[in-house]
Amino acid sequence: MPENWQRGGFALYVHWPFCLAKCPYCDFNSHVSADVDAGRWQRAFLSEINRLAEETTGRVLSSIFFGGGTPSLMPPELVGAVIEAARAHWPLANDVEITLEANPTSVEAGRFRAYHDAGVNRVSVGVQALNDADLRALGRLHSVDEARAAVALAQQVFERSSFDLIYARQGQTLDDWRAELDQAVAMSAGHLSLYQLTIEDGTAFGDRFKRGKLRGLPDSDLAADLYQVTQEVCARAGLPAYEVSNHAAPGDESRHNLVYWRSGDWLGIGPGAHGRLTLGGQRIALATPLGPGEWLERVETHGSGELPRDPLPASEQITEFLIMGLRISQGVAEADLFAFPGADILRNKIKYLVDLDLLARTDGRLLATETGRPVLNAVLLELLADLP
């Protein structure tokens, strides 16, 4: 039986925690800092790669992803050093995907060629909206013109690219979103990430919402209509949803994110980074402290930026396997699901959800239907309710 990394892929995630400003909707581990010692961060990243490579010798690395924060604030030399260290420790897949997230300010976009020369072959641009008023409301520092220029440059410089938009924004109508989507698919080079705005605790938007000061958000009916329009417009443009929030032409799917959704193995380095590693048949959760200073100190003082490792019990592995795998259009292999100890308890619940046309069985796979996808969180709550 193939190991997790052979079935789902093996990836490296590198977290750069710094931003120029904190967006009001963002609950990622990001920090605003005017003084970053890039050399110190490079030494720490390379130290972590060296340490983790000793445990994963011989694995084929299918992707590297620089996330954040704002990785397009990283010096290209630092990015190149990380990529070279990865090449030195692991064989790379012939179609290895090396992605860097970027914000579309003119200064950062101008560095695209240097990132390409460093080894990056895919960029994901955080556009978020295609009108200036909404960009300001979302706390973004760029204009629509800058976003369009950055997307065009990314398509010129890199082999593959993507960009993100957020919908279900304040005051957004169905016609507004349809028109914006039409613009987006015309700009796209094969991949779009389209996220419905969620109000998270601990964010500026979350605080405003609690105080009743975040007006104009769509009700549940409008949100459902916005989701449906997203599916229709993208499918018609040849960008069907291969995951709940991600749309791509065949072959342009994000290979890195598919490692997560297919329950492969990945290493996470940097503050707040998470990973999953299968060693000796045991699935292990990897985690790091959120604070940049604490993470650096751990690496420099103790030789590891990790928090204590936790083996994942079978029930948590089943939960992750389904939460991640049912997000993608191809779903999960039932043989893989029922290989987990204790998974048989789900058989009756699966039959119940199939009878409701929320899940489907096709060619040995379990997947969410068109009816089930928009309410996938509720489907998962029902499906997993009986797990210990």
Protein backbone atom coordinates (compact mmCIF):
# COMPACT_ATOMS: atom_id res chain seq x y z
CA MET A 1 0.00 0.00 0.00
CA PRO A 2 1.49 3.40 -0.91
CA GLU A 3 2.43 5.79 1.88
CA ASN A 4 0.53 9.06 2.35
CA TRP A 5 3.16 11.12 0.56
CA GLN A 6 3.11 8.76 -2.42
CA ARG A 7 -0.68 8.84 -2.68
CA GLY A 8 -1.33 12.50 -1.87
CA GLY A 9 2.02 14.19 -2.52
CA PHE A 10 4.83 15.66 -0.43
CA ALA A 11 5.14 19.44 -0.10
CA LEU A 12 7.00 22.22 1.70
CA TYR A 13 5.21 25.29 3.06
CA VAL A 14 7.26 28.36 4.06
CA HIS A 15 5.51 31.06 6.11
CA TRP A 16 6.71 34.65 5.83
CA PRO A 17 4.75 36.42 8.59
CA PHE A 18 5.25 40.09 7.66
CA CYS A 19 2.89 42.53 5.94
CA LEU A 20 2.90 46.26 5.22
CA ALA A 21 -0.53 46.52 6.88
CA LYS A 22 -3.03 44.16 8.51
CA CYS A 23 -6.19 43.68 6.43
CA PRO A 24 -9.36 43.97 8.56
CA TYR A 25 -10.77 40.59 7.42
CA CYS A 26 -7.52 38.62 7.81
CA ASP A 27 -7.11 36.00 10.53
CA PHE A 28 -3.82 34.61 9.20
CA ASN A 29 -0.66 34.84 11.29
CA SER A 30 0.65 38.15 9.94
CA HIS A 31 2.54 40.99 11.59
CA VAL A 32 3.48 44.53 10.61
CA SER A 33 7.18 45.20 11.17
CA ALA A 34 9.41 47.98 9.86
CA ASP A 35 12.64 46.12 10.63
CA VAL A 36 13.19 42.55 9.43
CA ASP A 37 16.62 40.91 9.49
CA ALA A 38 16.39 38.89 6.26
CA GLY A 39 19.73 37.17 6.84
CA ARG A 40 18.57 35.89 10.21
CA TRP A 41 15.34 34.57 8.71
CA GLN A 42 17.21 32.88 5.89
CA ARG A 43 19.50 31.07 8.31
CA ALA A 44 16.48 29.92 10.34
CA PHE A 45 14.57 28.65 7.29
CA LEU A 46 17.60 26.73 6.02
CA SER A 47 18.22 25.24 9.46
CA GLU A 48 14.66 23.93 9.59
CA ILE A 49 14.90 22.47 6.09
CA ASN A 50 18.13 20.67 7.08
CA ARG A 51 16.51 19.24 10.21
CA LEU A 52 13.30 18.03 8.56
CA ALA A 53 15.10 16.62 5.54
CA GLU A 54 16.89 14.11 7.78
CA GLU A 55 13.50 12.53 8.59
CA THR A 56 12.20 12.48 5.03
CA THR A 57 15.14 11.26 2.96
CA GLY A 58 14.20 9.97 -0.48
CA ARG A 59 10.77 11.56 -0.70
CA VAL A 60 9.97 13.35 -3.93
CA LEU A 61 9.00 16.98 -3.35
CA SER A 62 5.97 17.86 -5.45
CA SER A 63 5.57 21.52 -4.46
CA ILE A 64 6.94 24.46 -2.49
CA PHE A 65 4.64 27.27 -1.38
CA PHE A 66 5.70 30.64 0.05
CA GLY A 67 2.70 31.95 1.99
CA GLY A 68 2.05 34.60 4.59
CA GLY A 69 1.81 37.36 5.46
CA THR A 70 3.13 38.91 2.27
CA PRO A 71 5.84 36.70 0.77
CA SER A 72 6.41 39.19 -2.04
CA LEU A 73 8.16 41.30 0.62
CA MET A 74 10.84 38.58 0.88
CA PRO A 75 14.17 39.37 -0.75
CA PRO A 76 14.41 37.27 -3.93
CA GLU A 77 17.81 36.04 -2.73
CA LEU A 78 16.16 34.54 0.36
CA VAL A 79 13.53 32.82 -1.79
CA GLY A 80 16.25 31.44 -4.03
CA ALA A 81 18.24 30.14 -1.06
CA VAL A 82 15.21 28.24 0.27
CA ILE A 83 14.53 26.69 -3.14
CA GLU A 84 18.16 25.67 -3.55
CA ALA A 85 18.19 24.09 -0.08
CA ALA A 86 15.07 22.10 -0.97
CA ARG A 87 16.70 20.94 -4.22
CA ALA A 88 19.77 19.84 -2.30
CA HIS A 89 17.79 17.69 0.14
CA TRP A 90 14.96 16.16 -1.88
CA PRO A 91 14.52 15.04 -5.47
CA LEU A 92 12.00 17.38 -7.10
CA ALA A 93 9.07 16.12 -9.17
CA ASN A 94 9.45 16.72 -12.90
CA ASP A 95 6.43 19.05 -12.72
CA VAL A 96 7.33 20.60 -9.35
CA GLU A 97 5.20 23.64 -8.57
CA ILE A 98 6.89 26.53 -6.73
CA THR A 99 4.35 29.18 -5.79
CA LEU A 100 4.77 32.58 -4.15
CA GLU A 101 1.85 34.69 -2.93
CA ALA A 102 2.09 38.33 -3.96
CA ASN A 103 0.32 41.60 -3.36
CA PRO A 104 -0.18 43.68 -6.49
CA THR A 105 1.51 46.90 -5.50
CA SER A 106 3.71 48.23 -8.25
CA VAL A 107 6.87 47.86 -6.11
CA GLU A 108 6.27 44.17 -5.42
CA ALA A 109 5.16 43.35 -8.96
CA GLY A 110 8.41 44.82 -10.22
CA ARG A 111 10.26 42.04 -8.38
CA PHE A 112 8.49 39.26 -10.26
CA ARG A 113 11.38 38.67 -12.66
CA ALA A 114 13.81 38.24 -9.77
CA TYR A 115 11.51 35.68 -8.15
CA HIS A 116 11.29 33.82 -11.44
CA ASP A 117 15.08 33.78 -11.72
CA ALA A 118 15.21 32.43 -8.16
CA GLY A 119 13.13 29.41 -9.19
CA VAL A 120 9.50 30.42 -8.61
CA ASN A 121 7.29 29.15 -11.44
CA ARG A 122 3.83 30.13 -10.19
CA VAL A 123 2.47 33.29 -8.54
CA SER A 124 -0.82 33.78 -6.71
CA VAL A 125 -1.82 37.45 -6.69
CA GLY A 126 -4.07 38.78 -3.91
CA VAL A 127 -6.38 41.04 -5.93
CA GLN A 128 -9.52 40.61 -3.74
CA ALA A 129 -11.73 43.13 -5.60
CA LEU A 130 -11.98 44.81 -8.98
CA ASN A 131 -13.27 48.17 -7.84
CA ASP A 132 -11.36 50.76 -5.86
CA ALA A 133 -14.09 51.52 -3.30
CA ASP A 134 -14.26 47.91 -2.19
CA LEU A 135 -10.47 47.61 -2.14
CA ARG A 136 -10.38 50.52 0.29
CA ALA A 137 -13.13 48.93 2.41
CA LEU A 138 -11.12 45.70 2.54
CA GLY A 139 -8.04 47.60 3.70
CA ARG A 140 -6.02 46.81 0.58
CA LEU A 141 -3.13 49.10 -0.33
CA HIS A 142 -3.37 48.71 -4.12
CA SER A 143 -5.70 50.07 -6.79
CA VAL A 144 -7.56 48.16 -9.50
CA ASP A 145 -5.11 49.49 -12.09
CA GLU A 146 -2.18 48.15 -10.06
CA ALA A 147 -3.95 44.80 -9.69
CA ARG A 148 -4.55 44.48 -13.41
CA ALA A 149 -0.93 45.39 -14.14
CA ALA A 150 0.37 42.86 -11.61
CA VAL A 151 -1.81 40.06 -13.01
CA ALA A 152 -0.72 40.85 -16.57
CA LEU A 153 2.95 40.89 -15.54
CA ALA A 154 2.57 37.62 -13.64
CA GLN A 155 1.16 35.98 -16.76
CA GLN A 156 4.05 37.34 -18.80
CA VAL A 157 6.81 36.28 -16.41
CA PHE A 158 5.63 32.99 -14.87
CA GLU A 159 4.63 29.70 -16.41
CA ARG A 160 1.44 29.61 -14.30
CA SER A 161 -0.46 32.14 -12.23
CA SER A 162 -3.64 32.68 -10.27
CA PHE A 163 -5.39 35.50 -8.48
CA ASP A 164 -7.85 35.77 -5.60
CA LEU A 165 -11.13 37.62 -5.24
CA ILE A 166 -13.41 37.95 -2.23
CA TYR A 167 -17.18 38.10 -2.76
CA ALA A 168 -20.24 38.56 -0.52
CA ARG A 169 -18.78 41.96 0.33
CA GLN A 170 -20.67 44.82 1.93
CA GLY A 171 -23.35 46.21 -0.36
CA GLN A 172 -22.47 43.83 -3.20
CA THR A 173 -25.40 42.91 -5.45
CA LEU A 174 -25.81 39.87 -7.66
CA ASP A 175 -25.38 42.02 -10.78
CA ASP A 176 -22.24 43.63 -9.30
CA TRP A 177 -20.64 40.26 -8.71
CA ARG A 178 -21.65 38.84 -12.07
CA ALA A 179 -20.05 41.82 -13.85
CA GLU A 180 -16.90 41.55 -11.72
CA LEU A 181 -16.67 37.82 -12.39
CA ASP A 182 -16.93 38.43 -16.12
CA GLN A 183 -13.94 40.74 -15.83
CA ALA A 184 -12.04 38.20 -13.72
CA VAL A 185 -12.47 35.27 -16.10
CA ALA A 186 -11.39 37.52 -18.98
CA MET A 187 -8.20 38.36 -17.02
CA SER A 188 -7.54 34.80 -15.83
CA ALA A 189 -4.79 32.56 -17.17
CA GLY A 190 -6.41 29.34 -15.98
CA HIS A 191 -6.90 29.56 -12.20
CA LEU A 192 -9.08 31.69 -9.91
CA SER A 193 -9.53 31.48 -6.13
CA LEU A 194 -12.92 32.95 -5.21
CA TYR A 195 -13.61 33.16 -1.49
CA GLN A 196 -16.82 34.14 0.22
CA LEU A 197 -16.12 36.78 2.86
CA THR A 198 -16.27 35.30 6.34
CA ILE A 199 -16.20 37.38 9.50
CA GLU A 200 -13.64 35.86 11.85
CA ASP A 201 -13.23 36.46 15.57
CA GLY A 202 -10.12 38.40 16.45
CA THR A 203 -10.10 40.47 13.25
CA ALA A 204 -11.00 44.14 12.84
CA PHE A 205 -14.09 43.09 10.84
CA GLY A 206 -15.03 40.68 13.63
CA ASP A 207 -14.87 43.47 16.20
CA ARG A 208 -16.93 45.81 14.00
CA PHE A 209 -19.50 43.11 13.37
CA LYS A 210 -19.97 42.49 17.10
CA ARG A 211 -20.56 46.22 17.59
CA GLY A 212 -23.12 46.32 14.78
CA LYS A 213 -20.92 48.54 12.62
CA LEU A 214 -20.36 46.19 9.67
CA ARG A 215 -23.46 46.90 7.64
CA GLY A 216 -24.51 45.73 4.21
CA LEU A 217 -23.38 42.12 4.43
CA PRO A 218 -25.53 39.73 2.34
CA ASP A 219 -28.18 37.58 3.99
CA SER A 220 -28.04 33.81 3.57
CA ASP A 221 -30.26 33.80 0.47
CA LEU A 222 -28.13 36.38 -1.35
CA ALA A 223 -24.94 34.61 -0.27
CA ALA A 224 -26.29 31.36 -1.76
CA ASP A 225 -27.16 33.18 -5.00
CA LEU A 226 -23.68 34.72 -5.16
CA TYR A 227 -22.16 31.25 -4.78
CA GLN A 228 -24.39 29.85 -7.53
CA VAL A 229 -23.51 32.66 -9.94
CA THR A 230 -19.84 31.97 -9.24
CA GLN A 231 -20.26 28.34 -10.29
CA GLU A 232 -22.22 29.21 -13.43
CA VAL A 233 -19.96 31.99 -14.74
CA CYS A 234 -16.74 30.07 -14.09
CA ALA A 235 -18.02 26.80 -15.57
CA ARG A 236 -19.18 28.61 -18.69
CA ALA A 237 -15.70 30.15 -19.01
CA GLY A 238 -13.98 26.75 -18.81
CA LEU A 239 -12.94 27.21 -15.16
CA PRO A 240 -15.05 24.67 -13.26
CA ALA A 241 -14.78 24.36 -9.49
CA TYR A 242 -12.31 21.62 -8.64
CA GLU A 243 -12.58 22.66 -4.98
CA VAL A 244 -15.21 24.65 -3.10
CA SER A 245 -13.45 28.01 -3.59
CA ASN A 246 -11.04 27.24 -6.42
CA HIS A 247 -11.69 27.17 -10.16
CA ALA A 248 -9.30 26.03 -12.88
CA ALA A 249 -8.99 24.88 -16.43
CA PRO A 250 -8.04 21.19 -16.54
CA GLY A 251 -4.35 20.87 -15.66
CA ASP A 252 -4.13 24.28 -13.98
CA GLU A 253 -5.20 23.17 -10.50
CA SER A 254 -2.99 24.18 -7.58
CA ARG A 255 -0.76 21.15 -7.04
CA HIS A 256 0.31 22.37 -3.63
CA ASN A 257 -3.20 22.76 -2.25
CA LEU A 258 -4.13 19.37 -3.68
CA VAL A 259 -1.52 17.87 -1.34
CA TYR A 260 -3.58 19.23 1.58
CA TRP A 261 -6.93 18.18 0.15
CA ARG A 262 -5.68 14.68 -0.73
CA SER A 263 -4.19 14.19 2.76
CA GLY A 264 -0.61 14.00 1.56
CA ASP A 265 2.35 14.93 3.76
CA TRP A 266 3.72 18.43 4.03
CA LEU A 267 6.30 20.23 6.12
CA GLY A 268 5.46 23.68 7.49
CA ILE A 269 8.29 26.01 8.51
CA GLY A 270 8.01 29.53 9.88
CA PRO A 271 5.88 31.02 12.70
CA GLY A 272 2.35 29.64 12.75
CA ALA A 273 3.06 27.06 10.05
CA HIS A 274 1.43 23.65 10.34
CA GLY A 275 2.31 20.34 8.77
CA ARG A 276 1.36 16.68 8.57
CA LEU A 277 3.99 13.97 8.46
CA THR A 278 3.57 10.22 8.27
CA LEU A 279 6.49 8.32 9.84
CA GLY A 280 6.51 4.61 10.58
CA GLY A 281 2.82 4.37 9.81
CA GLN A 282 1.94 7.10 12.34
CA ARG A 283 0.32 10.37 11.24
CA ILE A 284 1.86 13.29 13.15
CA ALA A 285 0.70 16.89 13.48
CA LEU A 286 3.45 19.50 13.17
CA ALA A 287 2.94 23.01 14.57
CA THR A 288 5.01 26.08 15.39
CA PRO A 289 4.52 29.07 17.70
CA LEU A 290 2.73 32.09 16.24
CA GLY A 291 5.17 34.76 17.37
CA PRO A 292 7.97 35.52 14.90
CA GLY A 293 10.41 36.27 17.70
CA GLU A 294 9.58 33.12 19.62
CA TRP A 295 9.92 30.96 16.50
CA LEU A 296 13.31 32.46 15.62
CA GLU A 297 14.56 31.99 19.16
CA ARG A 298 13.47 28.34 19.19
CA VAL A 299 15.34 27.66 15.95
CA GLU A 300 18.47 29.50 17.02
CA THR A 301 18.56 28.24 20.62
CA HIS A 302 17.07 24.77 20.45
CA GLY A 303 17.68 23.82 16.81
CA SER A 304 13.98 23.39 16.10
CA GLY A 305 11.09 25.79 15.56
CA GLU A 306 8.50 23.12 16.26
CA LEU A 307 6.16 22.80 19.20
CA PRO A 308 5.94 19.28 20.71
CA ARG A 309 4.60 16.83 18.16
CA ASP A 310 1.20 15.19 18.50
CA PRO A 311 0.35 11.80 16.99
CA LEU A 312 -3.14 12.05 15.48
CA PRO A 313 -5.67 9.47 16.73
CA ALA A 314 -7.69 7.63 14.10
CA SER A 315 -10.83 9.72 14.71
CA GLU A 316 -8.93 12.95 14.00
CA GLN A 317 -7.36 11.43 10.90
CA ILE A 318 -10.81 10.45 9.61
CA THR A 319 -12.13 13.93 10.36
CA GLU A 320 -9.27 15.64 8.49
CA PHE A 321 -9.47 13.17 5.62
CA LEU A 322 -13.15 13.97 5.04
CA ILE A 323 -13.07 17.70 5.80
CA MET A 324 -10.27 18.17 3.29
CA GLY A 325 -11.14 15.51 0.72
CA LEU A 326 -14.82 16.32 0.31
CA ARG A 327 -13.89 19.88 -0.64
CA ILE A 328 -12.54 18.73 -4.01
CA SER A 329 -14.77 17.67 -6.86
CA GLN A 330 -13.28 14.16 -7.07
CA GLY A 331 -13.95 13.52 -3.36
CA VAL A 332 -12.24 10.65 -1.53
CA ALA A 333 -11.63 6.98 -2.28
CA GLU A 334 -13.93 4.87 -0.09
CA ALA A 335 -11.22 2.21 0.19
CA ASP A 336 -8.89 4.81 1.76
CA LEU A 337 -11.66 6.02 4.10
CA PHE A 338 -12.57 2.58 5.40
CA ALA A 339 -8.91 1.66 5.87
CA PHE A 340 -8.98 3.91 8.97
CA PRO A 341 -9.76 2.02 12.20
CA GLY A 342 -13.26 2.95 13.36
CA ALA A 343 -14.44 4.36 10.02
CA ASP A 344 -17.16 1.68 9.68
CA ILE A 345 -19.27 3.73 12.08
CA LEU A 346 -19.85 6.19 9.21
CA ARG A 347 -21.52 3.73 6.84
CA ASN A 348 -25.11 4.37 7.91
CA LYS A 349 -24.62 8.14 7.98
CA ILE A 350 -23.11 8.05 4.49
CA LYS A 351 -26.14 6.11 3.20
CA TYR A 352 -28.45 8.67 4.82
CA LEU A 353 -26.63 11.60 3.18
CA VAL A 354 -26.52 9.81 -0.18
CA ASP A 355 -30.29 9.28 0.03
CA LEU A 356 -30.67 13.04 0.61
CA ASP A 357 -28.55 13.72 -2.52
CA LEU A 358 -25.95 15.56 -0.43
CA LEU A 359 -23.26 12.95 -1.05
CA ALA A 360 -22.79 10.56 -3.97
CA ARG A 361 -20.90 7.33 -4.60
CA THR A 362 -19.20 7.17 -8.00
CA ASP A 363 -16.59 4.63 -9.16
CA GLY A 364 -15.54 3.80 -5.63
CA ARG A 365 -15.33 7.43 -4.55
CA LEU A 366 -17.42 9.46 -2.12
CA LEU A 367 -18.07 13.06 -3.11
CA ALA A 368 -20.28 16.03 -2.39
CA THR A 369 -23.07 16.60 -4.89
CA GLU A 370 -24.05 19.93 -6.42
CA THR A 371 -26.72 20.08 -3.72
CA GLY A 372 -24.27 19.22 -0.96
CA ARG A 373 -21.39 21.46 -1.88
CA PRO A 374 -22.97 24.81 -0.91
CA VAL A 375 -23.86 23.36 2.53
CA LEU A 376 -20.74 21.22 2.94
CA ASN A 377 -20.04 22.39 6.50
CA ALA A 378 -23.49 21.18 7.60
CA VAL A 379 -23.01 17.91 5.69
CA LEU A 380 -19.69 17.32 7.45
CA LEU A 381 -21.17 18.08 10.87
CA GLU A 382 -23.84 15.47 10.25
CA LEU A 383 -21.42 12.93 8.78
CA LEU A 384 -18.90 13.20 11.61
CA ALA A 385 -21.36 13.51 14.51
CA ASP A 386 -20.99 9.88 15.59
CA LEU A 387 -17.20 9.77 15.66
CA PRO A 388 -15.76 9.46 19.18
